[in-house]
Amino acid sequence: MFEAALAATILTNCAITNIHDGDTLTAWCPGEGKVKVRLHCIDTPELAQKPWGIEARDHLRALAGRGPVRIVAIEQDRYGRTVGDVIRGRTVLNLKMVADGQAAVYRRYCDDPRYFQAETQARRRKIGIWSRRGLHQKPWEWRRRHRRERRSERNWWSFFRDLLK
């Protein structure tokens, strides 16, 4: 039922049970149960990108606070997570993360001008991830490079293991 009606689904009275990182959380929603949510339109540094990833996660935790949230489900990603907006009161947490300089706009998946405007302002103010240049400003690029490095490491280990056989 949930997947079929996903495009028009608004989940209300949800309780956030875990914030994994700056752009992924788990909530419990009445009638749906446990829902893993990837915040729409944003990308935050990975936790391994210290201190940026930890700061983004902690900032999202502070914004989320306690109490109910609404989740506007937009789609499901390839990992089965609900991609959507998380709203507390009148604040869209996704957009607030960008405005506060804790997230970059995930251009590949976003066409909402509000996010681009918020990022432009955060960049001008040089806050959060925009306070210093680096791959933490482009988490998608960091992940791509990191995957390539891990693949290369695995190939070397396989090579040495095969030599020892």
C-alpha atoms as a PDB file:
ATOM      1  CA  MET A   1       0.000   0.000   0.000  1.00  0.00           C
ATOM      2  CA  PHE A   2       2.678   2.516   1.020  1.00  0.00           C
ATOM      3  CA  GLU A   3       4.823   2.039  -2.093  1.00  0.00           C
ATOM      4  CA  ALA A   4       1.905   2.289  -4.507  1.00  0.00           C
ATOM      5  CA  ALA A   5       0.665   5.552  -3.034  1.00  0.00           C
ATOM      6  CA  LEU A   6       4.108   6.935  -2.226  1.00  0.00           C
ATOM      7  CA  ALA A   7       3.943  10.037  -4.415  1.00  0.00           C
ATOM      8  CA  ALA A   8       0.910  11.359  -2.519  1.00  0.00           C
ATOM      9  CA  THR A   9       1.806  10.141   0.967  1.00  0.00           C
ATOM     10  CA  ILE A  10       2.089  12.452   3.953  1.00  0.00           C
ATOM     11  CA  LEU A  11       2.930  10.648   7.152  1.00  0.00           C
ATOM     12  CA  THR A  12       1.873  12.515  10.277  1.00  0.00           C
ATOM     13  CA  ASN A  13       2.595  12.203  13.984  1.00  0.00           C
ATOM     14  CA  CYS A  14       5.862  10.416  13.282  1.00  0.00           C
ATOM     15  CA  ALA A  15       8.457  10.046  16.014  1.00  0.00           C
ATOM     16  CA  ILE A  16      12.114  10.162  15.024  1.00  0.00           C
ATOM     17  CA  THR A  17      13.788   7.141  16.584  1.00  0.00           C
ATOM     18  CA  ASN A  18      17.310   7.476  15.164  1.00  0.00           C
ATOM     19  CA  ILE A  19      19.344   9.989  13.210  1.00  0.00           C
ATOM     20  CA  HIS A  20      22.025   8.035  11.351  1.00  0.00           C
ATOM     21  CA  ASP A  21      23.846  10.953   9.780  1.00  0.00           C
ATOM     22  CA  GLY A  22      23.052  14.416   8.460  1.00  0.00           C
ATOM     23  CA  ASP A  23      20.695  13.242   5.729  1.00  0.00           C
ATOM     24  CA  THR A  24      19.251   9.906   6.909  1.00  0.00           C
ATOM     25  CA  LEU A  25      16.955   9.108   9.802  1.00  0.00           C
ATOM     26  CA  THR A  26      14.522   6.477  11.013  1.00  0.00           C
ATOM     27  CA  ALA A  27      11.044   7.349  12.241  1.00  0.00           C
ATOM     28  CA  TRP A  28       8.087   5.426  13.587  1.00  0.00           C
ATOM     29  CA  CYS A  29       4.842   6.516  11.975  1.00  0.00           C
ATOM     30  CA  PRO A  30       1.318   5.411  13.001  1.00  0.00           C
ATOM     31  CA  GLY A  31      -0.112   3.041  10.412  1.00  0.00           C
ATOM     32  CA  GLU A  32       3.282   2.524   8.745  1.00  0.00           C
ATOM     33  CA  GLY A  33       5.635   1.521  11.532  1.00  0.00           C
ATOM     34  CA  LYS A  34       9.370   1.984  11.013  1.00  0.00           C
ATOM     35  CA  VAL A  35      10.293   4.230   8.069  1.00  0.00           C
ATOM     36  CA  LYS A  36      13.885   4.935   7.011  1.00  0.00           C
ATOM     37  CA  VAL A  37      14.057   8.384   5.407  1.00  0.00           C
ATOM     38  CA  ARG A  38      16.686   9.912   3.135  1.00  0.00           C
ATOM     39  CA  LEU A  39      16.213  13.676   3.222  1.00  0.00           C
ATOM     40  CA  HIS A  40      15.230  14.941  -0.223  1.00  0.00           C
ATOM     41  CA  CYS A  41      17.383  17.479  -2.094  1.00  0.00           C
ATOM     42  CA  ILE A  42      20.345  17.424   0.297  1.00  0.00           C
ATOM     43  CA  ASP A  43      23.641  15.649   0.752  1.00  0.00           C
ATOM     44  CA  THR A  44      25.763  15.962   3.875  1.00  0.00           C
ATOM     45  CA  PRO A  45      29.347  14.922   4.518  1.00  0.00           C
ATOM     46  CA  GLU A  46      29.813  11.288   5.506  1.00  0.00           C
ATOM     47  CA  LEU A  47      30.540  10.569   9.164  1.00  0.00           C
ATOM     48  CA  ALA A  48      34.088   9.582   8.147  1.00  0.00           C
ATOM     49  CA  GLN A  49      34.605  13.127   6.823  1.00  0.00           C
ATOM     50  CA  LYS A  50      35.471  14.446  10.269  1.00  0.00           C
ATOM     51  CA  PRO A  51      34.469  16.804  11.737  1.00  0.00           C
ATOM     52  CA  TRP A  52      31.965  17.800   9.034  1.00  0.00           C
ATOM     53  CA  GLY A  53      29.868  14.615   8.997  1.00  0.00           C
ATOM     54  CA  ILE A  54      29.524  14.479  12.770  1.00  0.00           C
ATOM     55  CA  GLU A  55      28.631  18.181  12.895  1.00  0.00           C
ATOM     56  CA  ALA A  56      25.931  17.679  10.246  1.00  0.00           C
ATOM     57  CA  ARG A  57      24.444  14.705  12.117  1.00  0.00           C
ATOM     58  CA  ASP A  58      24.460  16.586  15.412  1.00  0.00           C
ATOM     59  CA  HIS A  59      22.884  19.631  13.772  1.00  0.00           C
ATOM     60  CA  LEU A  60      20.063  17.512  12.362  1.00  0.00           C
ATOM     61  CA  ARG A  61      19.558  15.982  15.823  1.00  0.00           C
ATOM     62  CA  ALA A  62      19.261  19.476  17.308  1.00  0.00           C
ATOM     63  CA  LEU A  63      16.797  20.590  14.611  1.00  0.00           C
ATOM     64  CA  ALA A  64      14.704  17.445  14.979  1.00  0.00           C
ATOM     65  CA  GLY A  65      14.360  17.848  18.734  1.00  0.00           C
ATOM     66  CA  ARG A  66      11.574  15.858  20.355  1.00  0.00           C
ATOM     67  CA  GLY A  67       7.951  15.586  19.369  1.00  0.00           C
ATOM     68  CA  PRO A  68       6.089  14.690  16.218  1.00  0.00           C
ATOM     69  CA  VAL A  69       7.186  15.376  12.662  1.00  0.00           C
ATOM     70  CA  ARG A  70       5.499  15.044   9.299  1.00  0.00           C
ATOM     71  CA  ILE A  71       7.168  13.215   6.457  1.00  0.00           C
ATOM     72  CA  VAL A  72       6.218  14.084   2.889  1.00  0.00           C
ATOM     73  CA  ALA A  73       7.247  10.980   0.972  1.00  0.00           C
ATOM     74  CA  ILE A  74       8.419  11.791  -2.558  1.00  0.00           C
ATOM     75  CA  GLU A  75       9.870   8.506  -3.809  1.00  0.00           C
ATOM     76  CA  GLN A  76      11.840   5.444  -2.811  1.00  0.00           C
ATOM     77  CA  ASP A  77      15.550   5.203  -3.522  1.00  0.00           C
ATOM     78  CA  ARG A  78      17.485   2.176  -4.740  1.00  0.00           C
ATOM     79  CA  TYR A  79      18.188   1.172  -1.128  1.00  0.00           C
ATOM     80  CA  GLY A  80      14.489   1.039  -0.249  1.00  0.00           C
ATOM     81  CA  ARG A  81      14.544   4.228   1.802  1.00  0.00           C
ATOM     82  CA  THR A  82      11.752   6.752   1.603  1.00  0.00           C
ATOM     83  CA  VAL A  83      13.070   9.955   0.068  1.00  0.00           C
ATOM     84  CA  GLY A  84      11.167  12.900   1.443  1.00  0.00           C
ATOM     85  CA  ASP A  85      10.866  16.115   3.356  1.00  0.00           C
ATOM     86  CA  VAL A  86      10.824  16.013   7.142  1.00  0.00           C
ATOM     87  CA  ILE A  87       8.817  18.827   8.701  1.00  0.00           C
ATOM     88  CA  ARG A  88       8.674  19.926  12.340  1.00  0.00           C
ATOM     89  CA  GLY A  89       6.028  22.570  12.863  1.00  0.00           C
ATOM     90  CA  ARG A  90       6.521  24.881   9.891  1.00  0.00           C
ATOM     91  CA  THR A  91      10.223  24.094   9.381  1.00  0.00           C
ATOM     92  CA  VAL A  92      11.370  21.812   6.578  1.00  0.00           C
ATOM     93  CA  LEU A  93      14.423  20.231   8.196  1.00  0.00           C
ATOM     94  CA  ASN A  94      16.023  19.434   4.809  1.00  0.00           C
ATOM     95  CA  LEU A  95      15.922  23.078   3.746  1.00  0.00           C
ATOM     96  CA  LYS A  96      17.066  24.283   7.169  1.00  0.00           C
ATOM     97  CA  MET A  97      20.140  22.023   6.969  1.00  0.00           C
ATOM     98  CA  VAL A  98      21.134  23.752   3.710  1.00  0.00           C
ATOM     99  CA  ALA A  99      20.335  27.235   5.041  1.00  0.00           C
ATOM    100  CA  ASP A 100      22.481  26.550   8.117  1.00  0.00           C
ATOM    101  CA  GLY A 101      25.435  25.450   5.969  1.00  0.00           C
ATOM    102  CA  GLN A 102      25.322  21.830   7.129  1.00  0.00           C
ATOM    103  CA  ALA A 103      24.310  20.318   3.775  1.00  0.00           C
ATOM    104  CA  ALA A 104      24.913  20.854   0.082  1.00  0.00           C
ATOM    105  CA  VAL A 105      22.145  20.740  -2.480  1.00  0.00           C
ATOM    106  CA  TYR A 106      22.183  17.323  -4.128  1.00  0.00           C
ATOM    107  CA  ARG A 107      21.861  18.790  -7.608  1.00  0.00           C
ATOM    108  CA  ARG A 108      21.447  15.426  -9.272  1.00  0.00           C
ATOM    109  CA  TYR A 109      18.163  14.897  -7.413  1.00  0.00           C
ATOM    110  CA  CYS A 110      16.862  18.410  -6.739  1.00  0.00           C
ATOM    111  CA  ASP A 111      15.182  21.071  -8.815  1.00  0.00           C
ATOM    112  CA  ASP A 112      13.613  23.149  -6.026  1.00  0.00           C
ATOM    113  CA  PRO A 113      14.924  26.740  -6.272  1.00  0.00           C
ATOM    114  CA  ARG A 114      14.520  27.299  -2.505  1.00  0.00           C
ATOM    115  CA  TYR A 115      17.413  24.906  -1.878  1.00  0.00           C
ATOM    116  CA  PHE A 116      19.699  26.624  -4.369  1.00  0.00           C
ATOM    117  CA  GLN A 117      18.895  30.021  -2.858  1.00  0.00           C
ATOM    118  CA  ALA A 118      19.571  28.717   0.669  1.00  0.00           C
ATOM    119  CA  GLU A 119      22.911  27.236  -0.416  1.00  0.00           C
ATOM    120  CA  THR A 120      23.939  30.464  -2.118  1.00  0.00           C
ATOM    121  CA  GLN A 121      23.244  32.388   1.092  1.00  0.00           C
ATOM    122  CA  ALA A 122      25.141  29.865   3.254  1.00  0.00           C
ATOM    123  CA  ARG A 123      28.117  30.031   0.863  1.00  0.00           C
ATOM    124  CA  ARG A 124      28.130  33.834   0.987  1.00  0.00           C
ATOM    125  CA  ARG A 125      28.045  33.763   4.784  1.00  0.00           C
ATOM    126  CA  LYS A 126      30.790  31.080   4.801  1.00  0.00           C
ATOM    127  CA  ILE A 127      29.020  29.011   7.438  1.00  0.00           C
ATOM    128  CA  GLY A 128      29.194  25.297   8.173  1.00  0.00           C
ATOM    129  CA  ILE A 129      30.675  23.286   5.335  1.00  0.00           C
ATOM    130  CA  TRP A 130      31.237  26.509   3.388  1.00  0.00           C
ATOM    131  CA  SER A 131      33.664  27.881   5.979  1.00  0.00           C
ATOM    132  CA  ARG A 132      36.572  25.972   4.440  1.00  0.00           C
ATOM    133  CA  ARG A 133      37.058  24.449   0.971  1.00  0.00           C
ATOM    134  CA  GLY A 134      37.259  20.681   0.534  1.00  0.00           C
ATOM    135  CA  LEU A 135      35.457  17.507  -0.463  1.00  0.00           C
ATOM    136  CA  HIS A 136      33.110  17.886   2.504  1.00  0.00           C
ATOM    137  CA  GLN A 137      31.364  20.427   0.253  1.00  0.00           C
ATOM    138  CA  LYS A 138      30.731  17.695  -2.337  1.00  0.00           C
ATOM    139  CA  PRO A 139      29.977  14.475  -0.410  1.00  0.00           C
ATOM    140  CA  TRP A 140      28.997  12.675  -3.627  1.00  0.00           C
ATOM    141  CA  GLU A 141      32.502  13.283  -4.997  1.00  0.00           C
ATOM    142  CA  TRP A 142      34.124  12.079  -1.732  1.00  0.00           C
ATOM    143  CA  ARG A 143      32.065   8.850  -1.876  1.00  0.00           C
ATOM    144  CA  ARG A 144      33.015   8.261  -5.515  1.00  0.00           C
ATOM    145  CA  ARG A 145      36.740   8.704  -4.802  1.00  0.00           C
ATOM    146  CA  HIS A 146      36.546   6.648  -1.627  1.00  0.00           C
ATOM    147  CA  ARG A 147      34.840   3.753  -3.463  1.00  0.00           C
ATOM    148  CA  ARG A 148      37.590   3.817  -6.090  1.00  0.00           C
ATOM    149  CA  GLU A 149      40.295   3.719  -3.385  1.00  0.00           C
ATOM    150  CA  ARG A 150      38.615   0.814  -1.578  1.00  0.00           C
ATOM    151  CA  ARG A 151      38.293  -1.079  -4.847  1.00  0.00           C
ATOM    152  CA  SER A 152      41.983  -0.519  -5.539  1.00  0.00           C
ATOM    153  CA  GLU A 153      42.907  -1.706  -2.017  1.00  0.00           C
ATOM    154  CA  ARG A 154      40.847  -4.879  -2.469  1.00  0.00           C
ATOM    155  CA  ASN A 155      42.582  -5.568  -5.775  1.00  0.00           C
ATOM    156  CA  TRP A 156      46.027  -5.276  -4.144  1.00  0.00           C
ATOM    157  CA  TRP A 157      45.032  -7.576  -1.290  1.00  0.00           C
ATOM    158  CA  SER A 158      43.641 -10.097  -3.762  1.00  0.00           C
ATOM    159  CA  PHE A 159      46.882  -9.924  -5.739  1.00  0.00           C
ATOM    160  CA  PHE A 160      49.007 -10.652  -2.615  1.00  0.00           C
ATOM    161  CA  ARG A 161      46.648 -13.367  -1.416  1.00  0.00           C
ATOM    162  CA  ASP A 162      46.892 -15.077  -4.806  1.00  0.00           C
ATOM    163  CA  LEU A 163      50.700 -14.896  -4.670  1.00  0.00           C
ATOM    164  CA  LEU A 164      50.680 -16.712  -1.332  1.00  0.00           C
ATOM    165  CA  LYS A 165      48.510 -19.578  -2.591  1.00  0.00           C
END
